[in-house]
Amino acid sequence: MAKKDLVAAAAGAAGITQVAAEKAMTAVFDAILAGVQTGEKISIQGFGTFDLKETAAREGRNPATGAPLAIAAKKTVRFKFSKATEDKMNGK
């Protein structure tokens, strides 16, 4: 499902225009990203939690040649579904 499909589904469910739904979704996504960037844990009750995971720099190997190479440190957003969402997905 692409963003435009998600916007259309949200607009239909909420009974609002697609333009309003897209503005609302963009605002929510921006707020989640801003919170995670500051190190905040974003929890949406009954859905899941977003948080920041930092990986340290490390040395890896090129699988083709075996030569060592440096892998830079990076930050990624991690998402974990809530127990309630996992139960819904598994038919419980």
N, C-alpha and C. Protein backbone atom coordinates (compact mmCIF):
# COMPACT_ATOMS: atom_id res chain seq x y z
N MET A 1 0.85 -1.17 0.00
CA MET A 1 0.00 0.00 0.00
C MET A 1 0.89 1.23 0.00
N ALA A 2 0.68 2.09 -0.95
CA ALA A 2 1.43 3.34 -1.06
C ALA A 2 0.77 4.42 -0.21
N LYS A 3 1.48 5.53 -0.02
CA LYS A 3 0.96 6.62 0.80
C LYS A 3 -0.37 7.13 0.25
N LYS A 4 -0.49 7.25 -1.08
CA LYS A 4 -1.74 7.76 -1.65
C LYS A 4 -2.91 6.82 -1.35
N ASP A 5 -2.66 5.51 -1.31
CA ASP A 5 -3.71 4.55 -0.96
C ASP A 5 -4.10 4.68 0.51
N LEU A 6 -3.10 4.90 1.35
CA LEU A 6 -3.36 5.08 2.77
C LEU A 6 -4.14 6.37 3.02
N VAL A 7 -3.79 7.42 2.31
CA VAL A 7 -4.51 8.70 2.42
C VAL A 7 -5.96 8.52 1.99
N ALA A 8 -6.18 7.83 0.87
CA ALA A 8 -7.54 7.61 0.38
C ALA A 8 -8.36 6.79 1.38
N ALA A 9 -7.76 5.77 1.97
CA ALA A 9 -8.46 4.94 2.95
C ALA A 9 -8.81 5.75 4.20
N ALA A 10 -7.87 6.57 4.67
CA ALA A 10 -8.11 7.39 5.86
C ALA A 10 -9.18 8.44 5.58
N ALA A 11 -9.14 9.04 4.40
CA ALA A 11 -10.14 10.05 4.04
C ALA A 11 -11.53 9.44 4.00
N GLY A 12 -11.63 8.26 3.40
CA GLY A 12 -12.93 7.59 3.34
C GLY A 12 -13.45 7.19 4.70
N ALA A 13 -12.57 6.68 5.56
CA ALA A 13 -12.99 6.25 6.89
C ALA A 13 -13.39 7.43 7.77
N ALA A 14 -12.70 8.56 7.61
CA ALA A 14 -12.97 9.72 8.45
C ALA A 14 -14.02 10.65 7.85
N GLY A 15 -14.37 10.44 6.58
CA GLY A 15 -15.35 11.29 5.93
C GLY A 15 -14.82 12.69 5.66
N ILE A 16 -13.53 12.78 5.34
CA ILE A 16 -12.92 14.07 5.03
C ILE A 16 -12.31 14.00 3.64
N THR A 17 -11.84 15.14 3.13
CA THR A 17 -11.22 15.15 1.82
C THR A 17 -9.84 14.51 1.87
N GLN A 18 -9.37 14.09 0.71
CA GLN A 18 -8.03 13.49 0.66
C GLN A 18 -6.96 14.52 0.96
N VAL A 19 -7.19 15.77 0.61
CA VAL A 19 -6.22 16.83 0.91
C VAL A 19 -6.09 17.00 2.43
N ALA A 20 -7.22 17.02 3.13
CA ALA A 20 -7.19 17.16 4.59
C ALA A 20 -6.55 15.93 5.23
N ALA A 21 -6.86 14.75 4.71
CA ALA A 21 -6.28 13.52 5.26
C ALA A 21 -4.77 13.50 5.05
N GLU A 22 -4.31 13.95 3.88
CA GLU A 22 -2.87 13.97 3.64
C GLU A 22 -2.16 14.96 4.55
N LYS A 23 -2.77 16.13 4.77
CA LYS A 23 -2.17 17.12 5.68
C LYS A 23 -2.07 16.55 7.09
N ALA A 24 -3.13 15.88 7.53
CA ALA A 24 -3.13 15.30 8.88
C ALA A 24 -2.08 14.20 8.99
N MET A 25 -2.00 13.33 8.00
CA MET A 25 -1.02 12.24 8.04
C MET A 25 0.40 12.77 8.00
N THR A 26 0.65 13.77 7.17
CA THR A 26 1.98 14.36 7.09
C THR A 26 2.35 14.99 8.43
N ALA A 27 1.40 15.65 9.08
CA ALA A 27 1.66 16.25 10.39
C ALA A 27 1.99 15.18 11.43
N VAL A 28 1.28 14.07 11.40
CA VAL A 28 1.55 12.97 12.34
C VAL A 28 2.93 12.38 12.08
N PHE A 29 3.25 12.11 10.81
CA PHE A 29 4.55 11.54 10.48
C PHE A 29 5.68 12.49 10.88
N ASP A 30 5.50 13.78 10.63
CA ASP A 30 6.52 14.77 11.00
C ASP A 30 6.70 14.84 12.51
N ALA A 31 5.61 14.76 13.26
CA ALA A 31 5.69 14.80 14.72
C ALA A 31 6.40 13.56 15.26
N ILE A 32 6.12 12.41 14.68
CA ILE A 32 6.80 11.18 15.11
C ILE A 32 8.28 11.30 14.83
N LEU A 33 8.65 11.73 13.64
CA LEU A 33 10.06 11.86 13.28
C LEU A 33 10.77 12.88 14.17
N ALA A 34 10.14 14.01 14.42
CA ALA A 34 10.75 15.03 15.28
C ALA A 34 10.97 14.50 16.69
N GLY A 35 10.00 13.76 17.21
CA GLY A 35 10.15 13.20 18.55
C GLY A 35 11.25 12.17 18.62
N VAL A 36 11.32 11.30 17.64
CA VAL A 36 12.34 10.26 17.62
C VAL A 36 13.73 10.86 17.46
N GLN A 37 13.85 11.91 16.64
CA GLN A 37 15.15 12.56 16.44
C GLN A 37 15.70 13.16 17.72
N THR A 38 14.83 13.56 18.63
CA THR A 38 15.30 14.12 19.90
C THR A 38 15.54 13.04 20.95
N GLY A 39 15.35 11.77 20.56
CA GLY A 39 15.59 10.67 21.48
C GLY A 39 14.36 10.25 22.26
N GLU A 40 13.22 10.84 21.94
CA GLU A 40 11.97 10.49 22.62
C GLU A 40 11.44 9.15 22.11
N LYS A 41 10.78 8.42 22.98
CA LYS A 41 10.12 7.19 22.60
C LYS A 41 8.65 7.55 22.33
N ILE A 42 8.17 7.28 21.12
CA ILE A 42 6.81 7.62 20.73
C ILE A 42 5.95 6.37 20.82
N SER A 43 4.99 6.39 21.72
CA SER A 43 4.12 5.22 21.94
C SER A 43 2.69 5.57 21.55
N ILE A 44 2.11 4.74 20.68
CA ILE A 44 0.72 4.91 20.27
C ILE A 44 -0.04 3.73 20.87
N GLN A 45 -0.82 4.02 21.88
CA GLN A 45 -1.56 3.00 22.63
C GLN A 45 -2.34 2.08 21.70
N GLY A 46 -2.14 0.79 21.84
CA GLY A 46 -2.88 -0.18 21.04
C GLY A 46 -2.34 -0.37 19.64
N PHE A 47 -1.24 0.30 19.28
CA PHE A 47 -0.67 0.14 17.94
C PHE A 47 0.80 -0.25 18.01
N GLY A 48 1.63 0.61 18.63
CA GLY A 48 3.06 0.29 18.72
C GLY A 48 3.89 1.44 19.20
N THR A 49 5.21 1.23 19.16
CA THR A 49 6.16 2.19 19.69
C THR A 49 7.28 2.45 18.68
N PHE A 50 7.61 3.74 18.48
CA PHE A 50 8.74 4.14 17.67
C PHE A 50 9.85 4.60 18.60
N ASP A 51 11.09 4.20 18.32
CA ASP A 51 12.20 4.73 19.07
C ASP A 51 13.45 4.74 18.20
N LEU A 52 14.49 5.41 18.70
CA LEU A 52 15.73 5.59 17.97
C LEU A 52 16.72 4.51 18.38
N LYS A 53 17.34 3.90 17.40
CA LYS A 53 18.38 2.91 17.67
C LYS A 53 19.66 3.41 17.02
N GLU A 54 20.72 3.46 17.81
CA GLU A 54 22.01 3.89 17.29
C GLU A 54 22.94 2.69 17.23
N THR A 55 23.57 2.49 16.08
CA THR A 55 24.55 1.42 15.95
C THR A 55 25.93 2.06 15.89
N ALA A 56 26.87 1.45 16.57
CA ALA A 56 28.23 1.97 16.63
C ALA A 56 28.96 1.64 15.33
N ALA A 57 30.01 2.41 15.07
CA ALA A 57 30.86 2.13 13.91
C ALA A 57 31.55 0.79 14.18
N ARG A 58 31.78 0.06 13.09
CA ARG A 58 32.43 -1.24 13.25
C ARG A 58 33.18 -1.57 11.97
N GLU A 59 33.97 -2.62 12.05
CA GLU A 59 34.69 -3.07 10.87
C GLU A 59 33.97 -4.27 10.28
N GLY A 60 33.78 -4.26 8.98
CA GLY A 60 33.15 -5.38 8.29
C GLY A 60 34.08 -5.91 7.22
N ARG A 61 33.56 -6.82 6.43
CA ARG A 61 34.35 -7.40 5.35
C ARG A 61 33.55 -7.38 4.06
N ASN A 62 34.22 -7.10 2.96
CA ASN A 62 33.62 -7.20 1.65
C ASN A 62 33.41 -8.68 1.35
N PRO A 63 32.16 -9.13 1.12
CA PRO A 63 31.94 -10.56 0.92
C PRO A 63 32.59 -11.11 -0.35
N ALA A 64 32.79 -10.27 -1.34
CA ALA A 64 33.38 -10.74 -2.60
C ALA A 64 34.89 -10.93 -2.49
N THR A 65 35.55 -9.98 -1.82
CA THR A 65 37.02 -10.02 -1.77
C THR A 65 37.57 -10.39 -0.41
N GLY A 66 36.77 -10.23 0.63
CA GLY A 66 37.25 -10.49 1.99
C GLY A 66 38.02 -9.34 2.57
N ALA A 67 38.16 -8.25 1.83
CA ALA A 67 38.91 -7.09 2.30
C ALA A 67 38.14 -6.38 3.41
N PRO A 68 38.85 -5.93 4.45
CA PRO A 68 38.17 -5.21 5.53
C PRO A 68 37.68 -3.84 5.06
N LEU A 69 36.57 -3.40 5.63
CA LEU A 69 36.06 -2.07 5.33
C LEU A 69 35.38 -1.51 6.57
N ALA A 70 35.37 -0.18 6.65
CA ALA A 70 34.78 0.50 7.80
C ALA A 70 33.29 0.72 7.55
N ILE A 71 32.47 0.33 8.51
CA ILE A 71 31.03 0.58 8.46
C ILE A 71 30.76 1.70 9.45
N ALA A 72 30.21 2.80 8.95
CA ALA A 72 30.00 3.99 9.77
C ALA A 72 28.87 3.78 10.78
N ALA A 73 28.92 4.54 11.85
CA ALA A 73 27.84 4.55 12.84
C ALA A 73 26.61 5.16 12.19
N LYS A 74 25.43 4.72 12.61
CA LYS A 74 24.21 5.30 12.05
C LYS A 74 23.07 5.22 13.05
N LYS A 75 22.06 6.03 12.78
CA LYS A 75 20.85 6.05 13.59
C LYS A 75 19.70 5.54 12.72
N THR A 76 18.86 4.70 13.28
CA THR A 76 17.70 4.20 12.57
C THR A 76 16.49 4.27 13.48
N VAL A 77 15.31 4.34 12.87
CA VAL A 77 14.07 4.32 13.63
C VAL A 77 13.61 2.89 13.73
N ARG A 78 13.30 2.47 14.93
CA ARG A 78 12.83 1.12 15.18
C ARG A 78 11.35 1.19 15.56
N PHE A 79 10.56 0.24 15.07
CA PHE A 79 9.14 0.18 15.40
C PHE A 79 8.81 -1.19 15.93
N LYS A 80 8.05 -1.23 17.01
CA LYS A 80 7.60 -2.51 17.58
C LYS A 80 6.10 -2.43 17.78
N PHE A 81 5.40 -3.42 17.20
CA PHE A 81 3.95 -3.47 17.38
C PHE A 81 3.61 -3.75 18.84
N SER A 82 2.46 -3.25 19.28
CA SER A 82 2.00 -3.53 20.64
C SER A 82 1.45 -4.95 20.69
N LYS A 83 1.29 -5.45 21.88
CA LYS A 83 0.73 -6.80 22.08
C LYS A 83 -0.66 -6.88 21.48
N ALA A 84 -1.48 -5.84 21.67
CA ALA A 84 -2.85 -5.82 21.14
C ALA A 84 -2.85 -5.93 19.62
N THR A 85 -1.94 -5.21 18.96
CA THR A 85 -1.86 -5.26 17.50
C THR A 85 -1.39 -6.63 17.04
N GLU A 86 -0.41 -7.20 17.72
CA GLU A 86 0.06 -8.53 17.36
C GLU A 86 -1.05 -9.56 17.53
N ASP A 87 -1.84 -9.42 18.59
CA ASP A 87 -2.95 -10.35 18.79
C ASP A 87 -3.98 -10.24 17.66
N LYS A 88 -4.28 -9.01 17.22
CA LYS A 88 -5.21 -8.82 16.10
C LYS A 88 -4.68 -9.46 14.83
N MET A 89 -3.40 -9.29 14.58
CA MET A 89 -2.79 -9.85 13.37
C MET A 89 -2.80 -11.38 13.40
N ASN A 90 -2.75 -11.95 14.58
CA ASN A 90 -2.71 -13.40 14.71
C ASN A 90 -4.07 -14.00 15.03
N GLY A 91 -5.13 -13.22 14.91
CA GLY A 91 -6.49 -13.73 15.10
C GLY A 91 -6.83 -14.11 16.53
N LYS A 92 -6.23 -13.48 17.50
CA LYS A 92 -6.53 -13.81 18.90
C LYS A 92 -7.54 -12.86 19.46
